[in-house]
N, C-alpha and C. Protein backbone atom coordinates (compact mmCIF):
# COMPACT_ATOMS: atom_id res chain seq x y z
N MET A 1 81.53 113.21 26.52
CA MET A 1 82.51 112.20 26.54
C MET A 1 83.68 112.34 26.99
N ARG A 2 84.43 113.55 26.71
CA ARG A 2 85.38 113.87 27.31
C ARG A 2 85.77 114.12 28.53
N ALA A 3 84.42 114.68 29.19
CA ALA A 3 84.46 114.79 30.66
C ALA A 3 84.23 113.44 31.51
N LEU A 4 83.46 112.36 30.70
CA LEU A 4 83.46 111.15 31.27
C LEU A 4 84.67 110.24 31.22
N ALA A 5 85.50 110.64 30.09
CA ALA A 5 86.72 109.87 30.14
C ALA A 5 87.77 110.68 31.13
N LEU A 6 87.71 111.68 31.52
CA LEU A 6 88.51 112.39 32.40
C LEU A 6 88.25 111.93 33.60
N THR A 7 86.92 111.81 34.11
CA THR A 7 86.34 111.27 35.34
C THR A 7 86.99 109.85 35.51
N ALA A 8 86.84 108.99 34.36
CA ALA A 8 87.28 107.69 34.65
C ALA A 8 88.91 107.73 35.03
N ILE A 9 89.35 108.53 34.24
CA ILE A 9 90.98 108.26 34.50
C ILE A 9 91.31 108.85 35.95
N SER A 10 90.52 109.81 36.33
CA SER A 10 90.84 110.43 37.66
C SER A 10 90.40 109.34 38.73
N LEU A 11 89.33 108.70 38.64
CA LEU A 11 88.85 107.63 39.50
C LEU A 11 90.04 106.39 39.57
N THR A 12 90.38 106.01 38.33
CA THR A 12 91.57 104.99 38.12
C THR A 12 92.84 105.49 38.84
N ALA A 13 93.23 106.96 38.69
CA ALA A 13 94.36 107.20 39.40
C ALA A 13 94.20 107.17 40.72
N ILE A 14 93.07 107.55 41.49
CA ILE A 14 92.73 107.44 42.82
C ILE A 14 92.89 106.24 43.47
N SER A 15 92.17 105.19 42.62
CA SER A 15 92.36 103.92 43.17
C SER A 15 93.52 103.24 43.22
N LEU A 16 94.57 103.82 42.27
CA LEU A 16 96.06 103.24 42.22
C LEU A 16 96.75 104.03 43.31
N LEU A 17 96.45 105.13 43.43
CA LEU A 17 97.26 105.87 44.72
C LEU A 17 96.74 105.59 46.04
N ALA A 18 95.40 105.06 46.27
CA ALA A 18 95.13 104.82 47.62
C ALA A 18 95.81 103.88 48.48
N PRO A 19 96.09 102.80 47.97
CA PRO A 19 96.91 101.79 48.44
C PRO A 19 98.42 102.26 48.88
N ALA A 20 99.07 103.08 47.83
CA ALA A 20 100.40 103.73 48.19
C ALA A 20 100.21 104.69 49.30
N ALA A 21 99.02 105.40 49.24
CA ALA A 21 99.05 106.34 50.38
C ALA A 21 98.80 105.65 51.94
N ALA A 22 98.00 104.64 52.08
CA ALA A 22 97.85 104.00 52.97
C ALA A 22 99.44 103.31 53.49
N LEU A 23 100.16 102.76 52.37
CA LEU A 23 101.36 102.25 52.91
C LEU A 23 102.42 103.28 53.43
N ALA A 24 101.98 104.38 52.96
CA ALA A 24 103.12 105.57 53.32
C ALA A 24 102.62 105.78 54.89
N GLN A 25 101.42 105.95 55.10
CA GLN A 25 100.79 105.97 56.54
C GLN A 25 101.39 105.11 57.50
N ASP A 26 101.25 103.83 56.96
CA ASP A 26 101.91 102.78 57.94
C ASP A 26 103.40 102.79 58.11
N GLN A 27 104.07 103.13 57.06
CA GLN A 27 105.47 103.46 57.10
C GLN A 27 105.80 104.72 58.18
N GLN A 28 105.06 105.77 58.06
CA GLN A 28 105.10 106.77 59.02
C GLN A 28 104.92 106.45 60.46
N ARG A 29 103.77 105.61 60.70
CA ARG A 29 103.39 105.37 62.07
C ARG A 29 104.56 104.44 62.58
N ASN A 30 105.00 103.55 61.70
CA ASN A 30 106.07 102.70 62.25
C ASN A 30 107.51 103.24 62.22
N HIS A 31 107.81 104.50 61.62
CA HIS A 31 108.92 104.89 61.69
C HIS A 31 109.51 105.24 63.03
N PRO A 32 110.95 104.79 63.23
CA PRO A 32 111.51 104.81 64.44
C PRO A 32 111.47 106.14 65.26
N ALA A 33 111.51 107.27 64.69
CA ALA A 33 111.31 108.58 65.20
C ALA A 33 110.03 108.88 65.90
N VAL A 34 109.13 108.24 65.03
CA VAL A 34 107.71 108.46 65.59
C VAL A 34 107.13 107.54 66.60
N GLN A 35 107.74 106.40 66.78
CA GLN A 35 107.60 105.54 67.79
C GLN A 35 108.25 105.95 68.95
N ARG A 36 109.56 106.55 68.81
CA ARG A 36 110.14 107.26 70.01
C ARG A 36 109.33 108.32 70.47
N TYR A 37 108.69 109.15 69.69
CA TYR A 37 107.82 110.29 70.23
C TYR A 37 106.66 109.61 70.87
N ASN A 38 106.01 108.65 70.49
CA ASN A 38 104.91 108.10 71.04
C ASN A 38 105.22 107.44 72.61
N ARG A 39 106.25 106.95 72.45
CA ARG A 39 106.77 106.34 73.92
C ARG A 39 107.27 107.48 74.71
N THR A 40 107.55 108.56 74.33
CA THR A 40 107.87 109.76 75.19
C THR A 40 106.54 110.34 75.50
N ALA A 41 105.70 110.70 74.46
CA ALA A 41 104.55 111.29 75.03
C ALA A 41 103.46 110.37 75.83
N LYS A 42 103.21 109.17 75.60
CA LYS A 42 102.39 108.45 76.29
C LYS A 42 102.87 107.17 77.18
N GLY A 43 104.00 107.02 77.14
CA GLY A 43 104.67 106.06 78.05
C GLY A 43 104.99 104.93 76.99
N ALA A 44 105.95 103.99 77.51
CA ALA A 44 106.31 102.77 76.85
C ALA A 44 105.76 101.52 77.45
N ASN A 45 105.46 101.51 78.68
CA ASN A 45 104.90 100.13 79.26
C ASN A 45 104.27 100.70 80.45
N VAL A 46 103.70 99.55 81.13
CA VAL A 46 102.89 99.65 82.26
C VAL A 46 103.22 100.50 83.32
N GLU A 47 104.67 100.25 83.69
CA GLU A 47 105.13 101.00 84.84
C GLU A 47 105.26 102.66 84.65
N GLU A 48 105.49 102.80 83.37
CA GLU A 48 105.59 104.07 82.91
C GLU A 48 104.14 104.82 82.98
N TRP A 49 103.20 104.10 82.48
CA TRP A 49 101.82 104.66 82.72
C TRP A 49 101.36 104.75 84.02
N LYS A 50 101.88 103.58 84.88
CA LYS A 50 101.45 103.73 86.30
C LYS A 50 102.15 105.11 87.05
N ARG A 51 103.23 105.21 86.51
CA ARG A 51 104.03 106.49 87.14
C ARG A 51 103.00 107.87 86.60
N ARG A 52 102.58 107.92 85.54
CA ARG A 52 102.04 109.07 84.83
C ARG A 52 100.62 109.23 85.54
N LEU A 53 100.18 108.26 86.25
CA LEU A 53 98.96 108.57 86.94
C LEU A 53 99.12 109.38 88.02
N SER A 54 100.44 109.58 88.47
CA SER A 54 100.71 110.43 89.52
C SER A 54 100.88 111.92 89.07
N GLU A 55 100.97 112.10 87.83
CA GLU A 55 101.37 113.38 87.33
C GLU A 55 100.23 114.53 87.52
N PRO A 56 100.60 115.85 87.85
CA PRO A 56 99.52 116.64 88.10
C PRO A 56 98.57 117.09 87.09
N ASP A 57 99.17 116.80 85.82
CA ASP A 57 98.41 117.18 84.61
C ASP A 57 97.27 116.36 84.28
N VAL A 58 96.02 116.65 84.31
CA VAL A 58 95.10 115.70 84.15
C VAL A 58 95.08 114.96 82.91
N ARG A 59 95.45 115.74 81.74
CA ARG A 59 95.57 115.04 80.49
C ARG A 59 96.62 114.11 80.43
N THR A 60 97.53 114.17 81.02
CA THR A 60 98.58 113.08 81.14
C THR A 60 98.09 111.97 81.81
N ARG A 61 97.24 112.07 82.92
CA ARG A 61 96.69 111.00 83.68
C ARG A 61 95.66 110.23 82.81
N LEU A 62 94.88 111.13 82.09
CA LEU A 62 93.93 110.56 81.16
C LEU A 62 94.62 109.81 80.03
N ASP A 63 95.74 110.15 79.59
CA ASP A 63 96.29 109.35 78.38
C ASP A 63 96.88 108.14 79.29
N ALA A 64 97.36 108.20 80.32
CA ALA A 64 97.91 107.00 81.03
C ALA A 64 96.63 106.03 81.20
N VAL A 65 95.37 106.47 81.69
CA VAL A 65 94.46 105.35 81.76
C VAL A 65 94.13 104.86 80.48
N ASP A 66 94.16 105.66 79.54
CA ASP A 66 93.80 105.06 77.97
C ASP A 66 94.64 103.97 77.74
N SER A 67 96.04 104.26 77.74
CA SER A 67 97.17 103.50 77.52
C SER A 67 96.94 102.06 78.48
N LEU A 68 96.67 102.23 79.59
CA LEU A 68 96.46 101.03 80.38
C LEU A 68 95.24 100.17 80.01
N GLY A 69 94.18 100.96 79.73
CA GLY A 69 92.99 100.14 79.45
C GLY A 69 93.04 99.66 78.01
N THR A 70 93.84 99.97 77.15
CA THR A 70 93.88 99.35 75.76
C THR A 70 95.14 98.64 75.49
N LYS A 71 96.22 98.78 76.22
CA LYS A 71 97.29 98.06 75.78
C LYS A 71 97.98 97.34 77.00
N GLY A 72 97.32 97.60 78.32
CA GLY A 72 98.20 97.15 79.43
C GLY A 72 98.09 95.74 79.77
N GLY A 73 96.96 95.09 79.21
CA GLY A 73 96.82 93.67 79.77
C GLY A 73 96.26 93.40 81.24
N ASP A 74 96.85 92.36 81.82
CA ASP A 74 96.51 91.98 83.16
C ASP A 74 97.14 92.71 84.23
N GLU A 75 98.32 93.24 83.61
CA GLU A 75 99.04 94.17 84.71
C GLU A 75 98.52 95.52 84.89
N ALA A 76 97.46 96.09 84.07
CA ALA A 76 97.02 97.08 84.09
C ALA A 76 95.73 97.29 85.22
N ILE A 77 95.18 96.11 85.54
CA ILE A 77 94.01 96.25 86.50
C ILE A 77 94.43 96.90 87.79
N ARG A 78 95.40 96.56 88.39
CA ARG A 78 95.56 97.34 89.94
C ARG A 78 95.55 98.78 89.68
N PRO A 79 96.67 99.24 88.59
CA PRO A 79 96.64 100.81 88.55
C PRO A 79 95.16 101.29 88.11
N LEU A 80 94.51 100.79 87.15
CA LEU A 80 93.22 101.15 86.87
C LEU A 80 92.25 101.22 88.07
N ILE A 81 92.19 100.26 88.97
CA ILE A 81 91.64 100.28 90.09
C ILE A 81 92.00 101.41 91.02
N GLU A 82 93.33 101.58 91.08
CA GLU A 82 93.76 102.91 91.94
C GLU A 82 93.36 104.11 91.26
N ALA A 83 93.12 104.33 89.95
CA ALA A 83 92.79 105.46 89.14
C ALA A 83 91.04 105.95 89.54
N THR A 84 90.39 104.65 89.96
CA THR A 84 89.17 105.06 90.22
C THR A 84 88.86 105.91 91.49
N ALA A 85 89.93 106.22 92.10
CA ALA A 85 90.13 107.21 93.23
C ALA A 85 90.71 108.60 93.00
N ASP A 86 90.94 108.71 91.61
CA ASP A 86 91.53 110.01 91.04
C ASP A 86 90.76 111.19 91.44
N GLU A 87 91.44 112.38 91.57
CA GLU A 87 90.63 113.67 91.91
C GLU A 87 89.85 113.98 90.86
N ASP A 88 90.15 113.81 89.65
CA ASP A 88 89.51 114.16 88.39
C ASP A 88 88.19 113.20 88.15
N TYR A 89 87.07 113.56 87.93
CA TYR A 89 85.93 112.92 87.44
C TYR A 89 86.38 112.05 86.30
N ARG A 90 86.83 112.53 85.21
CA ARG A 90 87.16 111.99 83.99
C ARG A 90 87.86 110.84 84.12
N VAL A 91 88.93 110.92 84.88
CA VAL A 91 89.82 110.00 85.02
C VAL A 91 89.08 108.73 85.83
N ARG A 92 88.41 109.10 86.67
CA ARG A 92 87.67 107.97 87.55
C ARG A 92 86.71 107.16 86.83
N THR A 93 85.90 108.03 85.77
CA THR A 93 84.83 107.39 85.08
C THR A 93 85.59 106.51 83.93
N ARG A 94 86.65 106.98 83.34
CA ARG A 94 87.37 106.36 82.31
C ARG A 94 88.11 104.88 82.76
N ALA A 95 88.51 105.02 84.19
CA ALA A 95 89.17 103.88 84.80
C ALA A 95 88.00 102.76 85.05
N ILE A 96 86.89 103.23 85.53
CA ILE A 96 85.75 102.36 85.84
C ILE A 96 85.43 101.72 84.50
N ASP A 97 85.22 102.39 83.53
CA ASP A 97 84.73 101.86 82.11
C ASP A 97 85.62 100.70 81.50
N PHE A 98 86.93 101.06 81.77
CA PHE A 98 87.88 100.12 81.37
C PHE A 98 87.87 98.75 82.15
N LEU A 99 87.79 99.04 83.54
CA LEU A 99 87.74 97.76 84.38
C LEU A 99 86.51 96.91 83.93
N GLY A 100 85.45 97.57 83.47
CA GLY A 100 84.28 96.64 82.89
C GLY A 100 84.64 95.96 81.58
N THR A 101 85.25 96.83 80.56
CA THR A 101 85.73 96.13 79.33
C THR A 101 86.74 94.98 79.48
N LEU A 102 87.74 95.30 80.49
CA LEU A 102 88.57 94.18 80.71
C LEU A 102 88.11 93.08 81.59
N ARG A 103 86.75 93.13 81.92
CA ARG A 103 86.22 92.16 82.77
C ARG A 103 87.19 91.87 83.89
N ALA A 104 87.54 92.64 84.63
CA ALA A 104 88.42 92.65 85.64
C ALA A 104 87.84 92.18 86.95
N LEU A 105 88.00 90.85 87.05
CA LEU A 105 87.16 90.27 88.44
C LEU A 105 87.95 90.89 89.73
N GLU A 106 89.03 91.25 89.67
CA GLU A 106 89.46 91.57 91.18
C GLU A 106 89.21 92.93 91.39
N ALA A 107 88.34 93.70 90.36
CA ALA A 107 87.93 95.06 90.67
C ALA A 107 86.56 94.91 91.00
N SER A 108 85.94 93.89 91.18
CA SER A 108 84.54 93.83 91.64
C SER A 108 84.36 94.45 93.13
N PRO A 109 85.04 93.95 94.16
CA PRO A 109 84.94 94.58 95.51
C PRO A 109 85.04 96.12 95.48
N VAL A 110 86.04 96.68 94.82
CA VAL A 110 85.99 98.18 94.88
C VAL A 110 84.85 98.83 93.93
N LEU A 111 84.33 98.15 92.95
CA LEU A 111 83.26 98.86 92.29
C LEU A 111 82.04 98.61 93.11
N MET A 112 81.79 97.52 93.85
CA MET A 112 80.80 97.58 94.69
C MET A 112 80.72 98.45 95.66
N GLN A 113 81.97 98.80 96.41
CA GLN A 113 82.17 99.60 97.25
C GLN A 113 81.71 101.02 97.08
N LEU A 114 81.99 101.51 95.73
CA LEU A 114 81.50 102.78 95.15
C LEU A 114 80.20 103.04 95.27
N LEU A 115 79.32 101.85 95.02
CA LEU A 115 78.04 102.09 95.06
C LEU A 115 77.47 102.59 96.38
N PHE A 116 77.95 102.34 97.44
CA PHE A 116 77.59 102.75 98.79
C PHE A 116 78.30 103.81 99.35
N LEU A 117 79.37 104.54 98.77
CA LEU A 117 79.84 105.67 99.01
C LEU A 117 79.06 107.03 98.74
N THR A 118 78.91 107.84 99.79
CA THR A 118 78.06 108.93 99.63
C THR A 118 78.65 110.13 98.77
N ASP A 119 80.05 110.09 98.78
CA ASP A 119 80.86 111.14 98.10
C ASP A 119 81.07 110.72 96.58
N VAL A 120 80.65 109.52 96.14
CA VAL A 120 80.74 109.09 94.96
C VAL A 120 79.43 109.43 94.07
N GLY A 121 79.58 110.04 92.74
CA GLY A 121 78.38 110.84 92.00
C GLY A 121 77.72 109.66 91.57
N ARG A 122 76.36 110.11 91.18
CA ARG A 122 75.49 109.15 90.53
C ARG A 122 75.73 108.38 89.14
N ASP A 123 76.49 109.35 88.35
CA ASP A 123 77.00 108.75 87.05
C ASP A 123 77.99 107.70 87.24
N GLU A 124 78.85 108.02 88.25
CA GLU A 124 79.95 106.97 88.57
C GLU A 124 79.37 105.67 89.11
N LYS A 125 78.41 105.72 89.74
CA LYS A 125 77.55 104.71 90.13
C LYS A 125 76.89 103.82 89.01
N LEU A 126 76.39 104.46 88.04
CA LEU A 126 75.85 103.99 87.00
C LEU A 126 76.86 103.22 86.28
N ARG A 127 78.07 103.93 85.90
CA ARG A 127 79.11 103.10 85.30
C ARG A 127 79.48 102.06 85.89
N ALA A 128 79.89 102.18 87.36
CA ALA A 128 80.14 100.84 88.13
C ALA A 128 79.05 99.75 87.89
N LEU A 129 77.88 100.18 87.85
CA LEU A 129 76.99 98.98 87.82
C LEU A 129 76.98 98.23 86.44
N THR A 130 77.24 99.04 85.45
CA THR A 130 77.67 98.60 83.94
C THR A 130 78.89 97.78 84.07
N ALA A 131 79.81 98.13 84.67
CA ALA A 131 81.11 97.56 84.73
C ALA A 131 80.86 96.15 85.42
N LEU A 132 80.26 96.18 86.67
CA LEU A 132 79.90 94.97 87.16
C LEU A 132 79.12 93.81 86.46
N GLY A 133 78.35 94.48 85.70
CA GLY A 133 77.44 93.54 84.71
C GLY A 133 78.51 92.86 83.72
N ARG A 134 79.33 93.51 83.12
CA ARG A 134 80.36 93.05 82.18
C ARG A 134 81.28 92.19 82.83
N ILE A 135 81.82 92.46 84.17
CA ILE A 135 82.68 91.38 84.87
C ILE A 135 82.03 90.26 85.14
N ALA A 136 80.67 90.23 85.63
CA ALA A 136 79.98 88.96 85.85
C ALA A 136 80.33 88.19 86.85
N ASP A 137 80.83 88.75 88.01
CA ASP A 137 81.39 88.13 89.20
C ASP A 137 80.15 87.42 89.97
N PRO A 138 80.10 86.28 89.91
CA PRO A 138 78.81 85.66 90.70
C PRO A 138 78.80 86.09 92.23
N ALA A 139 80.04 86.61 92.80
CA ALA A 139 79.85 86.94 94.08
C ALA A 139 79.23 88.23 94.47
N THR A 140 79.02 88.89 93.37
CA THR A 140 78.38 90.13 93.59
C THR A 140 76.67 90.18 93.29
N SER A 141 76.35 89.17 93.09
CA SER A 141 74.88 89.23 92.40
C SER A 141 73.87 89.36 93.73
N GLU A 142 74.28 88.59 94.85
CA GLU A 142 73.28 88.84 95.99
C GLU A 142 73.18 90.34 96.47
N ARG A 143 74.70 91.03 96.40
CA ARG A 143 74.59 92.32 97.15
C ARG A 143 73.90 93.36 95.98
N LEU A 144 73.85 92.98 94.79
CA LEU A 144 73.30 93.81 93.90
C LEU A 144 71.99 93.82 94.00
N VAL A 145 71.39 92.61 94.19
CA VAL A 145 69.95 92.34 94.47
C VAL A 145 69.50 93.33 95.62
N VAL A 146 70.26 93.18 96.80
CA VAL A 146 69.99 93.89 97.88
C VAL A 146 70.13 95.47 97.69
N TYR A 147 70.95 95.75 97.08
CA TYR A 147 71.10 97.04 96.66
C TYR A 147 69.96 97.73 95.69
N ALA A 148 69.64 96.88 94.76
CA ALA A 148 68.27 97.15 94.27
C ALA A 148 67.20 97.47 94.92
N ALA A 149 67.29 96.66 96.09
CA ALA A 149 65.75 96.69 96.87
C ALA A 149 65.75 97.92 97.77
N THR A 150 66.93 98.35 98.06
CA THR A 150 67.25 99.43 99.22
C THR A 150 67.56 100.92 98.66
N ILE A 151 68.17 100.86 97.50
CA ILE A 151 68.54 102.21 96.99
C ILE A 151 67.43 103.14 96.62
N ASP A 152 67.58 104.43 96.95
CA ASP A 152 66.47 105.31 96.75
C ASP A 152 66.56 106.00 95.41
N ASP A 153 66.74 105.30 94.53
CA ASP A 153 66.92 105.88 93.16
C ASP A 153 66.64 104.84 92.01
N ASP A 154 65.57 104.87 91.28
CA ASP A 154 64.98 103.98 90.28
C ASP A 154 65.92 103.55 89.41
N ASP A 155 66.63 104.53 88.65
CA ASP A 155 67.72 104.30 87.53
C ASP A 155 68.82 103.29 88.04
N LEU A 156 69.36 103.61 89.28
CA LEU A 156 70.20 103.06 89.89
C LEU A 156 69.81 101.49 90.27
N ALA A 157 68.57 101.35 90.73
CA ALA A 157 67.99 100.00 91.03
C ALA A 157 67.80 99.29 90.01
N CYS A 158 67.20 99.79 88.76
CA CYS A 158 67.07 99.10 87.61
C CYS A 158 68.43 98.58 86.93
N ARG A 159 69.38 99.54 86.89
CA ARG A 159 70.68 99.17 86.29
C ARG A 159 71.32 98.00 87.09
N ALA A 160 71.01 98.01 88.58
CA ALA A 160 71.63 96.92 89.45
C ALA A 160 70.91 95.65 88.83
N VAL A 161 69.57 95.37 88.72
CA VAL A 161 69.05 94.26 88.27
C VAL A 161 69.61 93.95 87.04
N TYR A 162 69.70 95.04 86.00
CA TYR A 162 70.21 94.53 84.56
C TYR A 162 71.65 93.94 84.80
N ALA A 163 72.34 94.41 85.69
CA ALA A 163 73.77 93.76 85.92
C ALA A 163 73.48 92.35 86.58
N VAL A 164 72.60 92.06 87.55
CA VAL A 164 71.97 90.90 87.85
C VAL A 164 71.76 90.03 86.80
N GLY A 165 71.16 90.33 85.82
CA GLY A 165 70.82 89.51 84.95
C GLY A 165 72.07 89.01 83.85
N GLU A 166 73.08 90.01 83.77
CA GLU A 166 74.14 89.90 83.04
C GLU A 166 75.16 88.79 83.75
N ILE A 167 75.01 88.77 85.10
CA ILE A 167 75.90 88.09 85.84
C ILE A 167 75.23 86.63 85.76
N SER A 168 74.03 86.48 85.76
CA SER A 168 73.31 85.17 85.66
C SER A 168 73.65 84.13 86.52
N ASN A 169 73.59 84.55 87.85
CA ASN A 169 74.08 83.52 88.90
C ASN A 169 72.80 82.82 89.64
N PRO A 170 72.69 81.55 89.41
CA PRO A 170 71.31 81.07 89.75
C PRO A 170 70.94 81.16 91.22
N ALA A 171 72.15 81.57 91.96
CA ALA A 171 71.78 81.63 93.33
C ALA A 171 71.04 83.06 93.79
N SER A 172 70.98 83.88 92.94
CA SER A 172 70.21 85.00 92.89
C SER A 172 68.78 84.98 92.68
N LYS A 173 68.41 83.75 91.74
CA LYS A 173 66.94 83.63 91.12
C LYS A 173 65.94 83.95 92.15
N THR A 174 65.98 83.12 93.26
CA THR A 174 64.85 83.27 94.17
C THR A 174 64.70 84.82 94.71
N ARG A 175 65.71 85.32 95.29
CA ARG A 175 65.87 86.67 95.63
C ARG A 175 65.33 87.83 94.97
N ILE A 176 65.69 87.75 93.47
CA ILE A 176 65.30 88.73 92.71
C ILE A 176 63.95 88.71 92.37
N THR A 177 63.17 87.55 92.41
CA THR A 177 61.62 87.80 92.30
C THR A 177 61.12 88.65 93.28
N THR A 178 61.78 88.84 94.21
CA THR A 178 61.14 89.53 95.38
C THR A 178 60.93 91.07 95.04
N LEU A 179 61.64 91.63 93.82
CA LEU A 179 61.72 92.95 93.28
C LEU A 179 60.64 93.15 92.38
N ARG A 180 59.85 92.27 92.08
CA ARG A 180 58.52 92.30 91.27
C ARG A 180 57.76 93.28 91.96
N GLY A 181 57.11 94.24 91.19
CA GLY A 181 56.17 95.37 91.73
C GLY A 181 56.74 96.23 92.71
N SER A 182 58.08 96.41 93.09
CA SER A 182 58.69 97.21 93.90
C SER A 182 58.75 98.56 93.39
N ARG A 183 58.75 98.66 92.15
CA ARG A 183 58.87 100.24 91.56
C ARG A 183 57.95 100.45 90.43
N PRO A 184 56.84 100.73 90.71
CA PRO A 184 55.72 100.85 89.60
C PRO A 184 56.37 102.05 88.98
N GLY A 185 55.91 102.11 87.55
CA GLY A 185 56.21 103.09 86.57
C GLY A 185 57.59 103.07 86.14
N THR A 186 58.43 102.01 86.38
CA THR A 186 59.97 102.08 85.99
C THR A 186 59.90 100.72 85.21
N ASP A 187 60.98 100.40 84.64
CA ASP A 187 61.28 99.10 83.99
C ASP A 187 61.57 97.94 84.92
N MET A 188 61.79 98.02 86.12
CA MET A 188 61.84 97.04 87.07
C MET A 188 61.43 95.80 86.74
N ASP A 189 60.11 95.57 86.71
CA ASP A 189 59.41 94.22 86.52
C ASP A 189 59.95 93.55 85.09
N ARG A 190 60.17 94.33 84.00
CA ARG A 190 60.63 93.83 82.79
C ARG A 190 62.17 93.25 83.10
N LEU A 191 62.97 94.28 83.86
CA LEU A 191 64.27 93.79 83.89
C LEU A 191 64.36 92.45 84.72
N VAL A 192 63.41 92.39 85.91
CA VAL A 192 63.63 91.15 86.48
C VAL A 192 63.30 90.09 85.74
N GLU A 193 62.01 90.19 84.73
CA GLU A 193 61.84 88.84 84.03
C GLU A 193 63.04 88.86 83.04
N ASP A 194 63.46 89.59 82.62
CA ASP A 194 64.72 89.58 81.60
C ASP A 194 65.78 88.65 82.37
N ALA A 195 66.16 89.21 83.58
CA ALA A 195 67.12 88.49 84.48
C ALA A 195 66.74 87.03 84.56
N LEU A 196 65.55 86.58 84.96
CA LEU A 196 65.30 85.34 85.14
C LEU A 196 65.61 84.56 83.90
N VAL A 197 65.06 84.99 82.77
CA VAL A 197 65.29 84.28 81.48
C VAL A 197 66.74 84.11 81.29
N LYS A 198 67.68 84.98 81.45
CA LYS A 198 69.00 84.91 81.24
C LYS A 198 69.64 83.84 82.25
N ILE A 199 69.23 83.84 83.46
CA ILE A 199 69.64 82.77 84.45
C ILE A 199 69.46 81.43 84.00
N ASP A 200 68.10 81.42 83.32
CA ASP A 200 67.49 79.92 82.96
C ASP A 200 68.33 79.62 81.75
N VAL A 201 68.62 80.60 80.89
CA VAL A 201 69.27 80.12 79.60
C VAL A 201 70.83 79.67 79.95
N LYS A 202 71.29 80.23 80.91
CA LYS A 202 72.64 79.89 81.47
C LYS A 202 72.81 78.63 81.97
N GLU A 203 71.57 78.31 82.72
CA GLU A 203 71.59 76.94 83.41
C GLU A 203 71.44 75.87 82.35
N LYS A 204 70.64 76.26 81.56
CA LYS A 204 70.43 75.01 80.54
C LYS A 204 71.70 74.88 79.56
N ALA A 205 72.47 75.90 79.24
CA ALA A 205 73.68 75.88 78.68
C ALA A 205 74.86 75.27 79.39
N LYS A 206 74.74 75.18 80.61
CA LYS A 206 75.73 74.56 81.55
C LYS A 206 76.23 73.29 80.86
N PRO A 207 77.52 72.91 80.55
CA PRO A 207 77.80 71.62 80.06
C PRO A 207 77.80 70.40 81.13
N ILE A 208 77.20 69.47 80.65
CA ILE A 208 77.12 68.35 81.57
C ILE A 208 78.45 67.71 82.13
N GLU A 209 78.69 67.65 83.42
CA GLU A 209 80.13 67.38 83.83
C GLU A 209 80.29 65.72 83.66
N GLN A 210 81.43 65.54 82.89
CA GLN A 210 81.69 64.08 82.49
C GLN A 210 82.39 63.60 83.56
N PRO A 211 82.37 62.35 83.86
CA PRO A 211 83.01 61.73 84.91
C PRO A 211 84.63 61.48 84.68
N THR A 212 85.44 61.65 85.71
CA THR A 212 86.81 61.52 85.65
C THR A 212 87.27 60.10 85.23
N ILE A 213 88.37 59.95 84.67
CA ILE A 213 89.06 58.46 84.75
C ILE A 213 88.92 57.87 85.84
N LEU A 214 89.38 58.45 87.06
CA LEU A 214 89.15 57.64 88.32
C LEU A 214 87.90 57.36 88.71
N GLU A 215 86.92 58.24 88.38
CA GLU A 215 85.46 57.63 88.57
C GLU A 215 84.95 56.57 87.80
N LEU A 216 85.65 56.61 86.60
CA LEU A 216 85.22 55.51 85.46
C LEU A 216 85.68 54.26 86.03
N GLU A 217 87.01 54.29 86.47
CA GLU A 217 87.61 53.08 86.90
C GLU A 217 87.00 52.33 88.11
N LYS A 218 86.67 53.27 89.15
CA LYS A 218 85.88 52.76 90.14
C LYS A 218 84.59 52.01 89.70
N LYS A 219 83.77 52.69 89.03
CA LYS A 219 82.59 52.17 88.50
C LYS A 219 82.70 50.88 87.77
N LEU A 220 83.76 50.71 86.92
CA LEU A 220 84.13 49.56 86.29
C LEU A 220 84.54 48.45 87.25
N ALA A 221 85.30 49.05 88.17
CA ALA A 221 85.72 48.05 89.22
C ALA A 221 84.48 47.25 90.03
N ARG A 222 83.58 48.17 90.44
CA ARG A 222 82.27 47.79 91.10
C ARG A 222 81.47 46.77 90.16
N GLN A 223 81.34 47.15 88.94
CA GLN A 223 80.63 46.36 87.97
C GLN A 223 81.28 44.87 87.78
N GLN A 224 82.59 44.88 87.75
CA GLN A 224 83.41 43.71 87.77
C GLN A 224 83.15 42.80 88.96
N GLU A 225 83.23 43.45 90.15
CA GLU A 225 83.04 42.93 91.50
C GLU A 225 81.46 42.09 91.48
N ALA A 226 80.55 42.90 91.03
CA ALA A 226 79.02 42.58 91.17
C ALA A 226 79.11 41.23 90.21
N ALA A 227 79.58 41.46 89.01
CA ALA A 227 79.55 40.18 87.97
C ALA A 227 80.21 38.95 88.51
N LYS A 228 81.44 39.18 89.40
CA LYS A 228 81.96 37.90 90.02
C LYS A 228 80.91 37.24 90.99
N GLN A 229 80.36 38.13 91.94
CA GLN A 229 79.47 37.50 92.92
C GLN A 229 78.27 36.95 92.21
N LYS A 230 77.87 37.04 90.92
CA LYS A 230 76.84 36.45 90.27
C LYS A 230 77.08 35.09 89.99
């Protein structure tokens, strides 16, 4: 019984101390000295993070990419696009991932270009395809279908078709059906069907366009004119 009582007292003490500990940690993080250190170590704003992308130390550049991707907002898109050409693989791939996460529409042309460059690694191309699917730029869907039809790599082709499904552009519906049966032994046929389903769902979910006030006024005027002639 004594042991149980001690255990209960200990648990009660822990439950009482936990909020205080959390509050102390928050106060420590928000302490001016800690904030000054973080600004010095990781940069204070987009301009500072952009500058750090030119630093020779790869860890500094990685931290800059992380800051841009998590805190930079729209202003971070252009520096992240530039980071996809960094000399270090880790910086390039992290920048590609963040562009997808941020759904950076203006990054679509650059990401598409990466797919066709011979000096870009396979993993980077797979990541670029994933990012393009997240960005969902309708302008890329046709080129992705062509890419899937011509690339000599089943995984890249399948990832491209998956991206087309994520984009769900009705304009690619007819062309994507030509990929059926093109890669036996892979997931291609299933991905094609999934893409077609996604396109159909998006088309059905498209809101009905309501007439503008001007259109309604013209329609009413025609009806009134017709009623007068009767």
